[in-house]
Amino acid sequence: MTTIIDNDSKESTNIILFDHDWKYTYLTNSSSNEEFISMNCDDHQWKKINLPHYEITYDSLIYWYRKKFEWKQKSDFQQHIYLNFYSNEDEDNRQIYSIVIWLNETMIYSGNLPKSIQLTKYLRINSDNILAVCSTQGYTLSLHTRILIPHVCSGSIKYDDYNGNGSGRRLQTLDYTASFDDSDGLIDIFIDPLRKMKTATQHEQVDVNEDWECIHVVGTQQPETETILKTRPIPRLAILMLIVGTRGDVQPFIALAKALLSHGHRVRLATHEVFRTF
């Protein structure tokens, strides 16, 4: 399967459905992982399936899954790419334990599913990629999977302003993934907005409108695969405005700051003293 991504859209989360064109096999005892994660593994005798995979399971079995795909993407060093395992709203919130995942013969995750796993560093651009998943406790891969490419954003935290005695009100749990890149010293935090959006609209009928766009992804065996672009709700931000000019120049920004405050953002102005309590 060939997957082509255009990074020109920075205002949307790019979603690639990844359920199709998997292969699987199972074993009754453990053997070397190298055989199954290798790019040259002979998987022609493996069974072809689409995820999620349901069947009667046995604790004594070890399930192996493989997916081959080609990734073609415009170069963008700030763009992050995630493999996301999830269940639909009408399905149980099932857990799959003791999962190990390799991409191109490199182990990228070991733990439980559902989960969002970063692929950015391990993808081979304009080349074949092999994704291998091992379920060591006899669970089948009974989840959907997709690729998430969130729009690029950045931010900072001012620790001096943190109030440790703030409200203890419990908010909705976020589905997030955090990783540290020691090459540039940055901590990457990815919050999956799709799960929050699904929960908010669970009992509402969603109409197709101008906010949704479906784009067919080029593929050899997966013409029905589509990329869904959805403008996400903007998270609450801490905004600092530095305004240089006369008092008349400041007035439009006062109006903008008040509008941002009304939407839950935190706004600070660096300008004339008279506007200290705007």
C-alpha atoms as a PDB file:
ATOM      1  CA  MET A   1       0.000   0.000   0.000  1.00  0.00           C
ATOM      2  CA  THR A   2       1.272   3.469  -0.861  1.00  0.00           C
ATOM      3  CA  THR A   3       0.387   6.359   1.413  1.00  0.00           C
ATOM      4  CA  ILE A   4       0.874   9.926   0.181  1.00  0.00           C
ATOM      5  CA  ILE A   5       0.597  12.842   2.584  1.00  0.00           C
ATOM      6  CA  ASP A   6       0.620  16.560   1.832  1.00  0.00           C
ATOM      7  CA  ASN A   7       1.725  18.690   4.758  1.00  0.00           C
ATOM      8  CA  ASP A   8       0.351  21.979   3.429  1.00  0.00           C
ATOM      9  CA  SER A   9      -2.661  21.804   5.752  1.00  0.00           C
ATOM     10  CA  LYS A  10      -1.465  22.977   9.165  1.00  0.00           C
ATOM     11  CA  GLU A  11      -4.912  23.700  10.607  1.00  0.00           C
ATOM     12  CA  SER A  12      -6.229  20.133  10.648  1.00  0.00           C
ATOM     13  CA  THR A  13      -5.437  16.701  11.967  1.00  0.00           C
ATOM     14  CA  ASN A  14      -4.716  14.349   9.101  1.00  0.00           C
ATOM     15  CA  ILE A  15      -6.191  10.891   9.678  1.00  0.00           C
ATOM     16  CA  ILE A  16      -5.310   7.810   7.644  1.00  0.00           C
ATOM     17  CA  LEU A  17      -7.409   4.711   8.253  1.00  0.00           C
ATOM     18  CA  PHE A  18      -4.989   1.814   8.722  1.00  0.00           C
ATOM     19  CA  ASP A  19      -7.226  -1.244   9.209  1.00  0.00           C
ATOM     20  CA  HIS A  20      -6.692  -2.876   5.823  1.00  0.00           C
ATOM     21  CA  ASP A  21      -4.059  -5.174   4.305  1.00  0.00           C
ATOM     22  CA  TRP A  22      -2.686  -6.783   7.450  1.00  0.00           C
ATOM     23  CA  LYS A  23      -1.356 -10.339   7.702  1.00  0.00           C
ATOM     24  CA  TYR A  24      -1.247 -12.558  10.762  1.00  0.00           C
ATOM     25  CA  THR A  25      -0.138 -15.931  12.046  1.00  0.00           C
ATOM     26  CA  TYR A  26       0.006 -17.609  15.448  1.00  0.00           C
ATOM     27  CA  LEU A  27       2.398 -19.909  17.265  1.00  0.00           C
ATOM     28  CA  THR A  28       2.019 -22.353  20.126  1.00  0.00           C
ATOM     29  CA  ASN A  29       5.425 -21.531  21.569  1.00  0.00           C
ATOM     30  CA  SER A  30       7.858 -18.652  21.503  1.00  0.00           C
ATOM     31  CA  SER A  31      10.637 -18.341  18.958  1.00  0.00           C
ATOM     32  CA  SER A  32      13.119 -15.704  17.831  1.00  0.00           C
ATOM     33  CA  ASN A  33      11.570 -12.288  17.171  1.00  0.00           C
ATOM     34  CA  GLU A  34      14.125 -11.507  14.481  1.00  0.00           C
ATOM     35  CA  GLU A  35      12.440 -13.855  12.039  1.00  0.00           C
ATOM     36  CA  PHE A  36       9.095 -12.047  12.181  1.00  0.00           C
ATOM     37  CA  ILE A  37      10.252  -8.429  12.400  1.00  0.00           C
ATOM     38  CA  SER A  38      12.693  -8.729   9.504  1.00  0.00           C
ATOM     39  CA  MET A  39      12.026  -6.849   6.279  1.00  0.00           C
ATOM     40  CA  ASN A  40      12.811 -10.119   4.476  1.00  0.00           C
ATOM     41  CA  CYS A  41      10.415 -12.298   6.461  1.00  0.00           C
ATOM     42  CA  ASP A  42       8.512 -14.710   4.214  1.00  0.00           C
ATOM     43  CA  ASP A  43       4.893 -13.998   5.177  1.00  0.00           C
ATOM     44  CA  HIS A  44       3.231 -15.311   2.022  1.00  0.00           C
ATOM     45  CA  GLN A  45       1.641 -18.132   4.011  1.00  0.00           C
ATOM     46  CA  TRP A  46       0.219 -15.759   6.603  1.00  0.00           C
ATOM     47  CA  LYS A  47      -3.521 -15.085   6.536  1.00  0.00           C
ATOM     48  CA  LYS A  48      -4.747 -11.744   5.191  1.00  0.00           C
ATOM     49  CA  ILE A  49      -7.124  -9.800   7.434  1.00  0.00           C
ATOM     50  CA  ASN A  50      -8.540  -6.366   8.132  1.00  0.00           C
ATOM     51  CA  LEU A  51      -8.549  -5.048  11.680  1.00  0.00           C
ATOM     52  CA  PRO A  52     -10.094  -5.418  14.157  1.00  0.00           C
ATOM     53  CA  HIS A  53      -9.362  -9.157  14.361  1.00  0.00           C
ATOM     54  CA  TYR A  54     -11.865 -11.245  16.333  1.00  0.00           C
ATOM     55  CA  GLU A  55     -11.637 -14.963  17.017  1.00  0.00           C
ATOM     56  CA  ILE A  56     -11.637 -17.386  19.927  1.00  0.00           C
ATOM     57  CA  THR A  57      -8.346 -16.904  21.750  1.00  0.00           C
ATOM     58  CA  TYR A  58      -6.154 -19.179  23.826  1.00  0.00           C
ATOM     59  CA  ASP A  59      -3.611 -18.069  26.408  1.00  0.00           C
ATOM     60  CA  SER A  60      -1.067 -20.508  25.019  1.00  0.00           C
ATOM     61  CA  LEU A  61      -0.966 -18.827  21.586  1.00  0.00           C
ATOM     62  CA  ILE A  62       1.287 -16.009  20.423  1.00  0.00           C
ATOM     63  CA  TYR A  63      -0.190 -13.835  17.663  1.00  0.00           C
ATOM     64  CA  TRP A  64       1.963 -12.010  15.110  1.00  0.00           C
ATOM     65  CA  TYR A  65       0.723  -9.261  12.773  1.00  0.00           C
ATOM     66  CA  ARG A  66       2.546  -7.551   9.914  1.00  0.00           C
ATOM     67  CA  LYS A  67       1.690  -4.672   7.598  1.00  0.00           C
ATOM     68  CA  LYS A  68       3.788  -3.432   4.683  1.00  0.00           C
ATOM     69  CA  PHE A  69       3.327   0.109   3.381  1.00  0.00           C
ATOM     70  CA  GLU A  70       5.201   2.824   1.519  1.00  0.00           C
ATOM     71  CA  TRP A  71       5.297   6.317   2.984  1.00  0.00           C
ATOM     72  CA  LYS A  72       5.563   9.369   0.754  1.00  0.00           C
ATOM     73  CA  GLN A  73       5.540  12.684   2.554  1.00  0.00           C
ATOM     74  CA  LYS A  74       6.804  16.202   2.108  1.00  0.00           C
ATOM     75  CA  SER A  75       9.753  16.909   4.385  1.00  0.00           C
ATOM     76  CA  ASP A  76       8.827  18.785   7.570  1.00  0.00           C
ATOM     77  CA  PHE A  77      11.089  18.324  10.571  1.00  0.00           C
ATOM     78  CA  GLN A  78       8.401  19.653  12.942  1.00  0.00           C
ATOM     79  CA  GLN A  79       5.712  17.204  11.842  1.00  0.00           C
ATOM     80  CA  HIS A  80       4.959  14.255  14.121  1.00  0.00           C
ATOM     81  CA  ILE A  81       3.258  11.033  13.058  1.00  0.00           C
ATOM     82  CA  TYR A  82       1.437   8.654  15.403  1.00  0.00           C
ATOM     83  CA  LEU A  83       0.079   5.125  15.156  1.00  0.00           C
ATOM     84  CA  ASN A  84      -3.193   5.104  17.088  1.00  0.00           C
ATOM     85  CA  PHE A  85      -5.062   1.988  18.239  1.00  0.00           C
ATOM     86  CA  TYR A  86      -8.654   2.659  19.300  1.00  0.00           C
ATOM     87  CA  SER A  87     -12.151   1.199  19.687  1.00  0.00           C
ATOM     88  CA  ASN A  88     -15.344   2.703  18.295  1.00  0.00           C
ATOM     89  CA  GLU A  89     -17.989   4.291  20.495  1.00  0.00           C
ATOM     90  CA  ASP A  90     -20.344   1.332  20.061  1.00  0.00           C
ATOM     91  CA  GLU A  91     -17.663  -1.138  21.170  1.00  0.00           C
ATOM     92  CA  ASP A  92     -16.406  -2.021  24.631  1.00  0.00           C
ATOM     93  CA  ASN A  93     -13.361  -0.154  25.907  1.00  0.00           C
ATOM     94  CA  ARG A  94     -11.283  -3.280  25.563  1.00  0.00           C
ATOM     95  CA  GLN A  95      -7.686  -3.589  26.703  1.00  0.00           C
ATOM     96  CA  ILE A  96      -5.067  -5.723  24.969  1.00  0.00           C
ATOM     97  CA  TYR A  97      -2.182  -6.622  27.243  1.00  0.00           C
ATOM     98  CA  SER A  98       1.495  -7.428  26.625  1.00  0.00           C
ATOM     99  CA  ILE A  99       1.861  -5.995  23.117  1.00  0.00           C
ATOM    100  CA  VAL A 100       5.247  -5.397  21.471  1.00  0.00           C
ATOM    101  CA  ILE A 101       5.513  -3.313  18.278  1.00  0.00           C
ATOM    102  CA  TRP A 102       8.395  -2.950  15.814  1.00  0.00           C
ATOM    103  CA  LEU A 103       8.755  -0.584  12.873  1.00  0.00           C
ATOM    104  CA  ASN A 104      11.476  -1.424  10.371  1.00  0.00           C
ATOM    105  CA  GLU A 105      13.093  -3.904  12.784  1.00  0.00           C
ATOM    106  CA  THR A 106      13.248  -1.349  15.633  1.00  0.00           C
ATOM    107  CA  MET A 107      11.118  -1.892  18.733  1.00  0.00           C
ATOM    108  CA  ILE A 108       9.040   1.256  19.263  1.00  0.00           C
ATOM    109  CA  TYR A 109       6.586   0.175  21.963  1.00  0.00           C
ATOM    110  CA  SER A 110       5.987  -2.436  24.655  1.00  0.00           C
ATOM    111  CA  GLY A 111       2.883  -2.323  26.826  1.00  0.00           C
ATOM    112  CA  ASN A 112      -0.899  -2.337  26.597  1.00  0.00           C
ATOM    113  CA  LEU A 113      -3.354  -1.088  23.973  1.00  0.00           C
ATOM    114  CA  PRO A 114      -5.216   1.198  23.148  1.00  0.00           C
ATOM    115  CA  LYS A 115      -2.332   3.635  22.734  1.00  0.00           C
ATOM    116  CA  SER A 116      -0.907   6.340  20.475  1.00  0.00           C
ATOM    117  CA  ILE A 117       2.669   5.535  19.435  1.00  0.00           C
ATOM    118  CA  GLN A 118       5.034   7.946  17.726  1.00  0.00           C
ATOM    119  CA  LEU A 119       6.460   6.731  14.404  1.00  0.00           C
ATOM    120  CA  THR A 120       8.233   9.910  13.293  1.00  0.00           C
ATOM    121  CA  LYS A 121      11.849   8.863  13.839  1.00  0.00           C
ATOM    122  CA  TYR A 122      11.449   5.365  12.445  1.00  0.00           C
ATOM    123  CA  LEU A 123       9.544   5.909   9.187  1.00  0.00           C
ATOM    124  CA  ARG A 124      11.422   5.465   5.924  1.00  0.00           C
ATOM    125  CA  ILE A 125      10.380   8.127   3.441  1.00  0.00           C
ATOM    126  CA  ASN A 126       9.765   7.011  -0.171  1.00  0.00           C
ATOM    127  CA  SER A 127      10.561   3.447   0.799  1.00  0.00           C
ATOM    128  CA  ASP A 128       8.894   0.284   2.086  1.00  0.00           C
ATOM    129  CA  ASN A 129       8.068   0.131   5.799  1.00  0.00           C
ATOM    130  CA  ILE A 130       7.252  -2.975   7.826  1.00  0.00           C
ATOM    131  CA  LEU A 131       5.111  -2.758  10.946  1.00  0.00           C
ATOM    132  CA  ALA A 132       5.193  -5.881  13.152  1.00  0.00           C
ATOM    133  CA  VAL A 133       3.002  -6.467  16.216  1.00  0.00           C
ATOM    134  CA  CYS A 134       3.365  -9.355  18.674  1.00  0.00           C
ATOM    135  CA  SER A 135       0.632 -10.268  21.170  1.00  0.00           C
ATOM    136  CA  THR A 136       2.386 -12.462  23.720  1.00  0.00           C
ATOM    137  CA  GLN A 137      -0.599 -13.287  25.978  1.00  0.00           C
ATOM    138  CA  GLY A 138      -2.939 -14.826  23.419  1.00  0.00           C
ATOM    139  CA  TYR A 139      -4.998 -11.707  22.616  1.00  0.00           C
ATOM    140  CA  THR A 140      -5.982 -10.969  19.043  1.00  0.00           C
ATOM    141  CA  LEU A 141      -5.556  -7.427  17.723  1.00  0.00           C
ATOM    142  CA  SER A 142      -9.244  -6.561  18.218  1.00  0.00           C
ATOM    143  CA  LEU A 143      -8.863  -2.796  17.783  1.00  0.00           C
ATOM    144  CA  HIS A 144      -9.053  -0.359  14.913  1.00  0.00           C
ATOM    145  CA  THR A 145      -5.898   1.443  13.884  1.00  0.00           C
ATOM    146  CA  ARG A 146      -5.133   4.702  12.110  1.00  0.00           C
ATOM    147  CA  ILE A 147      -2.323   7.162  11.490  1.00  0.00           C
ATOM    148  CA  LEU A 148      -2.701  10.589  13.126  1.00  0.00           C
ATOM    149  CA  ILE A 149      -0.744  13.606  11.871  1.00  0.00           C
ATOM    150  CA  PRO A 150      -1.685  16.608  14.043  1.00  0.00           C
ATOM    151  CA  HIS A 151      -1.055  20.143  12.877  1.00  0.00           C
ATOM    152  CA  VAL A 152       2.178  21.690  14.125  1.00  0.00           C
ATOM    153  CA  CYS A 153       1.937  23.823  17.251  1.00  0.00           C
ATOM    154  CA  SER A 154       4.261  24.924  20.034  1.00  0.00           C
ATOM    155  CA  GLY A 155       3.982  26.473  23.459  1.00  0.00           C
ATOM    156  CA  SER A 156       5.735  27.153  26.750  1.00  0.00           C
ATOM    157  CA  ILE A 157       4.972  26.936  30.450  1.00  0.00           C
ATOM    158  CA  LYS A 158       5.874  29.696  32.920  1.00  0.00           C
ATOM    159  CA  TYR A 159       6.342  27.826  36.179  1.00  0.00           C
ATOM    160  CA  ASP A 160       6.368  31.008  38.308  1.00  0.00           C
ATOM    161  CA  ASP A 161       2.689  31.492  37.522  1.00  0.00           C
ATOM    162  CA  TYR A 162       1.657  27.981  38.534  1.00  0.00           C
ATOM    163  CA  ASN A 163      -0.785  27.984  41.435  1.00  0.00           C
ATOM    164  CA  GLY A 164      -0.393  24.806  43.430  1.00  0.00           C
ATOM    165  CA  ASN A 165      -3.502  25.629  45.498  1.00  0.00           C
ATOM    166  CA  GLY A 166      -5.794  25.887  42.504  1.00  0.00           C
ATOM    167  CA  SER A 167      -9.184  24.322  42.091  1.00  0.00           C
ATOM    168  CA  GLY A 168      -9.381  20.586  42.617  1.00  0.00           C
ATOM    169  CA  ARG A 169     -12.279  20.170  40.208  1.00  0.00           C
ATOM    170  CA  ARG A 170     -11.851  16.963  38.208  1.00  0.00           C
ATOM    171  CA  LEU A 171     -11.918  17.458  34.451  1.00  0.00           C
ATOM    172  CA  GLN A 172     -12.240  14.974  31.614  1.00  0.00           C
ATOM    173  CA  THR A 173      -9.225  12.720  31.214  1.00  0.00           C
ATOM    174  CA  LEU A 174      -7.179  13.419  28.084  1.00  0.00           C
ATOM    175  CA  ASP A 175      -5.690  10.733  25.872  1.00  0.00           C
ATOM    176  CA  TYR A 176      -2.102  11.891  25.466  1.00  0.00           C
ATOM    177  CA  THR A 177       1.391  10.700  24.615  1.00  0.00           C
ATOM    178  CA  ALA A 178       4.604  12.397  25.777  1.00  0.00           C
ATOM    179  CA  SER A 179       8.114  11.732  24.486  1.00  0.00           C
ATOM    180  CA  PHE A 180      11.552  13.321  24.919  1.00  0.00           C
ATOM    181  CA  ASP A 181      13.918  13.959  22.024  1.00  0.00           C
ATOM    182  CA  ASP A 182      17.478  14.208  23.357  1.00  0.00           C
ATOM    183  CA  SER A 183      18.720  15.508  19.998  1.00  0.00           C
ATOM    184  CA  ASP A 184      17.013  18.888  20.430  1.00  0.00           C
ATOM    185  CA  GLY A 185      16.050  18.847  24.103  1.00  0.00           C
ATOM    186  CA  LEU A 186      12.315  19.143  23.427  1.00  0.00           C
ATOM    187  CA  ILE A 187       9.452  17.311  25.092  1.00  0.00           C
ATOM    188  CA  ASP A 188       6.755  16.399  22.582  1.00  0.00           C
ATOM    189  CA  ILE A 189       3.213  16.065  23.970  1.00  0.00           C
ATOM    190  CA  PHE A 190       0.443  14.797  21.700  1.00  0.00           C
ATOM    191  CA  ILE A 191      -3.168  15.085  22.897  1.00  0.00           C
ATOM    192  CA  ASP A 192      -5.662  13.074  20.885  1.00  0.00           C
ATOM    193  CA  PRO A 193      -8.585  15.491  20.275  1.00  0.00           C
ATOM    194  CA  LEU A 194     -10.624  12.907  18.421  1.00  0.00           C
ATOM    195  CA  ARG A 195     -11.549  10.911  21.508  1.00  0.00           C
ATOM    196  CA  LYS A 196     -12.662  14.079  23.315  1.00  0.00           C
ATOM    197  CA  MET A 197     -14.660  15.189  20.284  1.00  0.00           C
ATOM    198  CA  LYS A 198     -16.318  11.775  19.990  1.00  0.00           C
ATOM    199  CA  THR A 199     -17.362  11.878  23.656  1.00  0.00           C
ATOM    200  CA  ALA A 200     -18.801  15.374  23.297  1.00  0.00           C
ATOM    201  CA  THR A 201     -20.884  14.381  20.285  1.00  0.00           C
ATOM    202  CA  GLN A 202     -21.792  10.868  21.372  1.00  0.00           C
ATOM    203  CA  HIS A 203     -25.497  11.664  21.537  1.00  0.00           C
ATOM    204  CA  GLU A 204     -25.601  14.189  18.728  1.00  0.00           C
ATOM    205  CA  GLN A 205     -26.152  13.668  15.034  1.00  0.00           C
ATOM    206  CA  VAL A 206     -23.178  14.961  13.073  1.00  0.00           C
ATOM    207  CA  ASP A 207     -24.028  16.562   9.746  1.00  0.00           C
ATOM    208  CA  VAL A 208     -21.508  16.640   6.930  1.00  0.00           C
ATOM    209  CA  ASN A 209     -20.682  20.275   6.212  1.00  0.00           C
ATOM    210  CA  GLU A 210     -17.903  22.500   4.996  1.00  0.00           C
ATOM    211  CA  ASP A 211     -15.728  21.620   8.028  1.00  0.00           C
ATOM    212  CA  TRP A 212     -15.258  18.055   6.757  1.00  0.00           C
ATOM    213  CA  GLU A 213     -13.269  17.028   3.728  1.00  0.00           C
ATOM    214  CA  CYS A 214     -12.645  13.492   2.487  1.00  0.00           C
ATOM    215  CA  ILE A 215      -9.567  12.811   0.395  1.00  0.00           C
ATOM    216  CA  HIS A 216      -8.852   9.416  -1.159  1.00  0.00           C
ATOM    217  CA  VAL A 217      -5.387   8.094  -0.434  1.00  0.00           C
ATOM    218  CA  VAL A 218      -3.541   6.497  -3.334  1.00  0.00           C
ATOM    219  CA  GLY A 219      -3.092   2.762  -2.760  1.00  0.00           C
ATOM    220  CA  THR A 220      -2.747  -0.474  -4.635  1.00  0.00           C
ATOM    221  CA  GLN A 221      -5.238  -2.536  -2.635  1.00  0.00           C
ATOM    222  CA  GLN A 222      -7.015   0.065  -0.561  1.00  0.00           C
ATOM    223  CA  PRO A 223      -8.865   2.544  -2.799  1.00  0.00           C
ATOM    224  CA  GLU A 224     -11.528   3.095  -0.166  1.00  0.00           C
ATOM    225  CA  THR A 225      -9.006   4.440   2.325  1.00  0.00           C
ATOM    226  CA  GLU A 226      -9.618   8.085   2.999  1.00  0.00           C
ATOM    227  CA  THR A 227      -7.988  10.911   4.870  1.00  0.00           C
ATOM    228  CA  ILE A 228     -10.381  12.910   7.035  1.00  0.00           C
ATOM    229  CA  LEU A 229      -9.562  16.519   7.807  1.00  0.00           C
ATOM    230  CA  LYS A 230     -11.362  18.077  10.744  1.00  0.00           C
ATOM    231  CA  THR A 231     -10.710  21.497  12.202  1.00  0.00           C
ATOM    232  CA  ARG A 232     -10.099  20.933  15.895  1.00  0.00           C
ATOM    233  CA  PRO A 233     -11.295  23.104  18.768  1.00  0.00           C
ATOM    234  CA  ILE A 234      -8.524  25.495  19.820  1.00  0.00           C
ATOM    235  CA  PRO A 235      -7.136  24.655  23.300  1.00  0.00           C
ATOM    236  CA  ARG A 236      -6.964  27.334  25.985  1.00  0.00           C
ATOM    237  CA  LEU A 237      -3.812  29.402  25.535  1.00  0.00           C
ATOM    238  CA  ALA A 238      -1.660  31.770  27.596  1.00  0.00           C
ATOM    239  CA  ILE A 239      -1.157  34.818  25.353  1.00  0.00           C
ATOM    240  CA  LEU A 240       1.160  37.798  25.864  1.00  0.00           C
ATOM    241  CA  MET A 241       0.678  40.869  23.625  1.00  0.00           C
ATOM    242  CA  LEU A 242       3.419  43.501  23.360  1.00  0.00           C
ATOM    243  CA  ILE A 243       1.906  46.673  21.849  1.00  0.00           C
ATOM    244  CA  VAL A 244       4.024  49.674  20.841  1.00  0.00           C
ATOM    245  CA  GLY A 245       2.284  52.882  19.748  1.00  0.00           C
ATOM    246  CA  THR A 246      -0.162  55.535  20.884  1.00  0.00           C
ATOM    247  CA  ARG A 247      -3.129  54.850  23.110  1.00  0.00           C
ATOM    248  CA  GLY A 248      -5.350  54.782  20.065  1.00  0.00           C
ATOM    249  CA  ASP A 249      -3.260  51.970  18.639  1.00  0.00           C
ATOM    250  CA  VAL A 250      -3.906  49.896  21.752  1.00  0.00           C
ATOM    251  CA  GLN A 251      -7.724  50.016  21.650  1.00  0.00           C
ATOM    252  CA  PRO A 252      -8.225  47.328  18.941  1.00  0.00           C
ATOM    253  CA  PHE A 253      -5.979  44.950  20.860  1.00  0.00           C
ATOM    254  CA  ILE A 254      -7.946  45.595  24.050  1.00  0.00           C
ATOM    255  CA  ALA A 255     -11.070  44.438  22.218  1.00  0.00           C
ATOM    256  CA  LEU A 256      -9.224  41.387  20.890  1.00  0.00           C
ATOM    257  CA  ALA A 257      -7.900  40.533  24.365  1.00  0.00           C
ATOM    258  CA  LYS A 258     -11.393  40.742  25.886  1.00  0.00           C
ATOM    259  CA  ALA A 259     -12.765  38.457  23.181  1.00  0.00           C
ATOM    260  CA  LEU A 260     -10.005  35.933  23.894  1.00  0.00           C
ATOM    261  CA  LEU A 261     -10.688  36.148  27.638  1.00  0.00           C
ATOM    262  CA  SER A 262     -14.366  35.421  27.045  1.00  0.00           C
ATOM    263  CA  HIS A 263     -13.358  32.177  25.323  1.00  0.00           C
ATOM    264  CA  GLY A 264     -11.305  30.997  28.283  1.00  0.00           C
ATOM    265  CA  HIS A 265      -7.825  32.063  27.169  1.00  0.00           C
ATOM    266  CA  ARG A 266      -5.406  33.844  29.493  1.00  0.00           C
ATOM    267  CA  VAL A 267      -4.242  37.187  28.088  1.00  0.00           C
ATOM    268  CA  ARG A 268      -1.597  39.628  29.351  1.00  0.00           C
ATOM    269  CA  LEU A 269      -0.766  43.005  27.788  1.00  0.00           C
ATOM    270  CA  ALA A 270       2.591  44.772  27.794  1.00  0.00           C
ATOM    271  CA  THR A 271       1.698  48.372  26.952  1.00  0.00           C
ATOM    272  CA  HIS A 272       0.747  51.736  28.545  1.00  0.00           C
ATOM    273  CA  GLU A 273       0.245  51.856  32.320  1.00  0.00           C
ATOM    274  CA  VAL A 274      -3.309  53.170  31.921  1.00  0.00           C
ATOM    275  CA  PHE A 275      -4.379  49.797  30.554  1.00  0.00           C
ATOM    276  CA  ARG A 276      -3.130  47.837  33.581  1.00  0.00           C
ATOM    277  CA  THR A 277      -6.649  46.626  34.381  1.00  0.00           C
ATOM    278  CA  PHE A 278      -8.096  46.326  30.913  1.00  0.00           C
END
